[in-house]
Each structure stands twice: as C-alpha cells, then as structure tokens.
Amino acid sequence: METKTEVVNILNMIADMIANRVVEQVRQMPDATKQADSGRKLYTIKQVCDMLHISKSKLYRHKKEGRLVPTKYTGRNPLFSQDSIDNYLNSFNY
C-alpha cells in the first residue's frame, strides 16, 4: 500500500496536468471568439424559424440533413449566421 506522501504526490501531479490543460484551452479561446464574433449577427432557432416561416421540426430536420449549418453553439443551442441562412435559401432550385 502506498504511503500518504506518495498519494499526495500523485494527486499533485494530476492537479498539475488538469491545470495545464485548462491553461491551454484558455489560450486557445480568444482565437475562436475572434473568428466567431467578427461582427456577424447570430440567430437562434426561434429567430430563424420566424424569418423563414418554417417549424422547429423542419429546421431541425434540415439541420440534420446538412442543409442548414449552425455557425456556432452556445452550450447545446445552435446559432446561425446570416451567411448560413443565405446559403440555405440559395440551395433551393426555383
């Protein structure tokens, strides 16, 4: 059985590994936010449904089929840019 100091040393190593991963992720965050927030307005599912006059189920179906691609997510909520919505509208052949 390991001694108390060995357990403490292992826990300290694990804590250092976690801290290093968090620091690395924080360093990468500003680059991602600059790309996503470059002055574009992002729309929620409800806003897109209202703009396109479609139901939520149709939007989710088209999202699943790859016709309407979210620009980014906030948690589990997809957000759509105007470019994404325009590409969706232009994909229809009239």
Foldseek 3Di string as FASTA:
>chain_A
DDDPVVVVVVVVVVVVVVVVVVVVVVVCVVVVCCVLPVPWDWAFLVRLCVVVVHDSVVVVVCCVVVLQDFPDDDVPTGIHTPVSSVSSVVVDDD
